[in-house]
Amino acid sequence: MSANQKRVQQLGATKVAVTSLQPLGCLPRTTVDSSFQRCNTTQNQAVAYHNLLLQQTVAKLNNDSQTSTFFIIDLYTSFTTVLNQNPDYQGKLRFESPLKPCCIGMNGYFCGGVDQKGVKMFTVCSDLKSAFFLGFVTSN
């Protein structure tokens, strides 16, 4: 990553944004194993370590740089802030089940998929605003 950022800098970029990883252990492909009830802490610990190394690399790049400034867009904190159920301005929880996607494909079909007979192979929640994650594919 550091080498690529240096290349971008050599091309003349003066401001460079780099995204951290979101909590991968909270994505539907992982939380499906707990019926969308729990994040995988092992995966999130690995992501936290990655993001720590990213912060250290960006700090070193900024320290070594005379012309460029590198910024981190913190997706991890953005995701966890939403997933931790902070109430909206009316005190209502934003999502009933924050880890559960609105649309779930069945038997390997994507959300919106139909079989050869045109039968819908997915389910959709009743209110799109009730879900943080939009779609997911199940394997069974």
Protein backbone atom coordinates (compact mmCIF):
# COMPACT_ATOMS: atom_id res chain seq x y z
CA MET A 1 0.00 0.00 0.00
CA SER A 2 2.80 2.37 0.89
CA ALA A 3 4.49 1.87 -2.48
CA ASN A 4 1.24 2.58 -4.33
CA GLN A 5 0.59 5.72 -2.30
CA LYS A 6 4.10 6.95 -3.10
CA ARG A 7 3.38 6.37 -6.81
CA VAL A 8 0.17 8.42 -6.54
CA GLN A 9 2.17 11.14 -4.81
CA GLN A 10 4.78 11.10 -7.59
CA LEU A 11 1.98 11.65 -10.11
CA GLY A 12 1.31 14.97 -8.37
CA ALA A 13 -1.54 14.22 -5.97
CA THR A 14 -1.45 16.51 -2.94
CA LYS A 15 -4.40 15.04 -1.05
CA VAL A 16 -4.96 11.28 -0.98
CA ALA A 17 -7.82 9.49 0.81
CA VAL A 18 -7.41 5.87 1.87
CA THR A 19 -10.28 3.81 3.31
CA SER A 20 -9.93 1.56 6.30
CA LEU A 21 -11.75 -1.78 6.27
CA GLN A 22 -15.27 -1.98 7.62
CA PRO A 23 -16.02 -4.63 10.30
CA LEU A 24 -16.01 -7.64 7.94
CA GLY A 25 -17.22 -9.86 10.78
CA CYS A 26 -20.50 -7.92 10.78
CA LEU A 27 -21.30 -8.35 7.08
CA PRO A 28 -24.27 -10.59 6.19
CA ARG A 29 -22.06 -13.28 4.65
CA THR A 30 -20.57 -13.78 8.12
CA THR A 31 -23.53 -13.07 10.41
CA VAL A 32 -25.79 -15.51 8.54
CA ASP A 33 -24.21 -18.27 10.69
CA SER A 34 -25.76 -16.67 13.79
CA SER A 35 -29.08 -15.87 12.06
CA PHE A 36 -27.82 -12.28 11.71
CA GLN A 37 -27.56 -11.86 15.50
CA ARG A 38 -23.78 -11.54 16.15
CA CYS A 39 -20.66 -10.25 14.49
CA ASN A 40 -17.64 -12.54 14.20
CA THR A 41 -15.16 -11.10 16.71
CA THR A 42 -12.19 -13.01 15.29
CA GLN A 43 -12.68 -11.44 11.86
CA ASN A 44 -13.18 -8.01 13.40
CA GLN A 45 -9.97 -8.38 15.44
CA ALA A 46 -8.08 -9.14 12.21
CA VAL A 47 -9.66 -6.07 10.59
CA ALA A 48 -8.71 -3.94 13.61
CA TYR A 49 -5.09 -5.10 13.25
CA HIS A 50 -5.14 -4.29 9.52
CA ASN A 51 -6.55 -0.84 10.25
CA LEU A 52 -3.88 -0.23 12.91
CA LEU A 53 -1.15 -1.07 10.39
CA LEU A 54 -2.88 1.20 7.88
CA GLN A 55 -2.85 4.08 10.39
CA GLN A 56 0.84 3.53 11.07
CA THR A 57 1.65 3.44 7.35
CA VAL A 58 -0.32 6.62 6.64
CA ALA A 59 1.33 8.38 9.59
CA LYS A 60 4.77 7.42 8.23
CA LEU A 61 3.85 8.57 4.71
CA ASN A 62 2.68 11.92 6.08
CA ASN A 63 5.83 12.24 8.17
CA ASP A 64 8.10 11.44 5.19
CA SER A 65 6.14 13.55 2.70
CA GLN A 66 6.93 17.14 1.86
CA THR A 67 4.04 17.71 -0.54
CA SER A 68 1.23 15.18 -0.01
CA THR A 69 -1.20 14.67 2.81
CA PHE A 70 -2.75 11.24 3.24
CA PHE A 71 -6.10 10.83 5.02
CA ILE A 72 -7.93 7.77 6.28
CA ILE A 73 -11.68 7.48 5.76
CA ASP A 74 -12.65 5.40 8.78
CA LEU A 75 -15.25 2.91 7.54
CA TYR A 76 -14.89 0.74 10.65
CA THR A 77 -16.13 3.45 13.00
CA SER A 78 -18.82 4.54 10.53
CA PHE A 79 -20.25 1.02 10.33
CA THR A 80 -20.04 0.28 14.06
CA THR A 81 -21.68 3.60 14.95
CA VAL A 82 -24.72 2.64 12.87
CA LEU A 83 -24.73 -1.03 13.92
CA ASN A 84 -24.54 -0.15 17.62
CA GLN A 85 -28.15 1.05 17.45
CA ASN A 86 -27.81 4.72 18.20
CA PRO A 87 -31.39 6.03 18.35
CA ASP A 88 -32.58 8.62 15.86
CA TYR A 89 -33.63 12.14 16.90
CA GLN A 90 -37.01 10.83 18.12
CA GLY A 91 -35.45 8.15 20.34
CA LYS A 92 -36.54 5.35 18.00
CA LEU A 93 -34.00 2.64 17.10
CA ARG A 94 -32.89 2.96 13.50
CA PHE A 95 -32.95 -0.76 12.70
CA GLU A 96 -34.81 -3.63 14.38
CA SER A 97 -32.12 -6.14 13.42
CA PRO A 98 -29.13 -4.12 12.18
CA LEU A 99 -27.19 -7.16 10.92
CA LYS A 100 -30.07 -8.61 8.91
CA PRO A 101 -30.22 -7.55 5.25
CA CYS A 102 -33.49 -6.38 3.73
CA CYS A 103 -33.37 -8.77 0.79
CA ILE A 104 -32.19 -12.36 1.10
CA GLY A 105 -31.64 -14.51 -1.96
CA MET A 106 -32.40 -18.22 -1.57
CA ASN A 107 -30.68 -21.36 -2.84
CA GLY A 108 -27.75 -19.49 -4.37
CA TYR A 109 -29.90 -16.89 -6.14
CA PHE A 110 -29.14 -13.22 -5.78
CA CYS A 111 -31.62 -10.76 -4.39
CA GLY A 112 -34.10 -10.18 -7.22
CA GLY A 113 -33.33 -13.52 -8.89
CA VAL A 114 -35.96 -15.82 -10.33
CA ASP A 115 -35.74 -19.49 -11.28
CA GLN A 116 -36.40 -20.92 -14.76
CA LYS A 117 -40.17 -20.76 -14.13
CA GLY A 118 -40.06 -17.12 -13.05
CA VAL A 119 -40.55 -17.91 -9.36
CA LYS A 120 -39.01 -15.33 -7.04
CA MET A 121 -36.00 -16.82 -5.24
CA PHE A 122 -35.68 -14.10 -2.63
CA THR A 123 -37.49 -12.42 0.23
CA VAL A 124 -37.66 -8.68 0.81
CA CYS A 125 -38.35 -6.82 4.05
CA SER A 126 -41.49 -4.71 4.23
CA ASP A 127 -39.61 -1.42 4.73
CA LEU A 128 -36.30 -0.75 2.97
CA LYS A 129 -35.43 1.92 5.57
CA SER A 130 -35.56 -0.76 8.28
CA ALA A 131 -32.31 -2.38 7.08
CA PHE A 132 -28.71 -1.20 6.99
CA PHE A 133 -27.64 -3.97 4.60
CA LEU A 134 -29.63 -4.33 1.40
CA GLY A 135 -28.97 -7.74 -0.12
CA PHE A 136 -27.48 -11.17 0.58
CA VAL A 137 -27.29 -14.60 -1.07
CA THR A 138 -27.77 -17.81 0.90
CA SER A 139 -26.16 -21.03 -0.23
CA ASN A 140 -28.94 -23.44 0.78
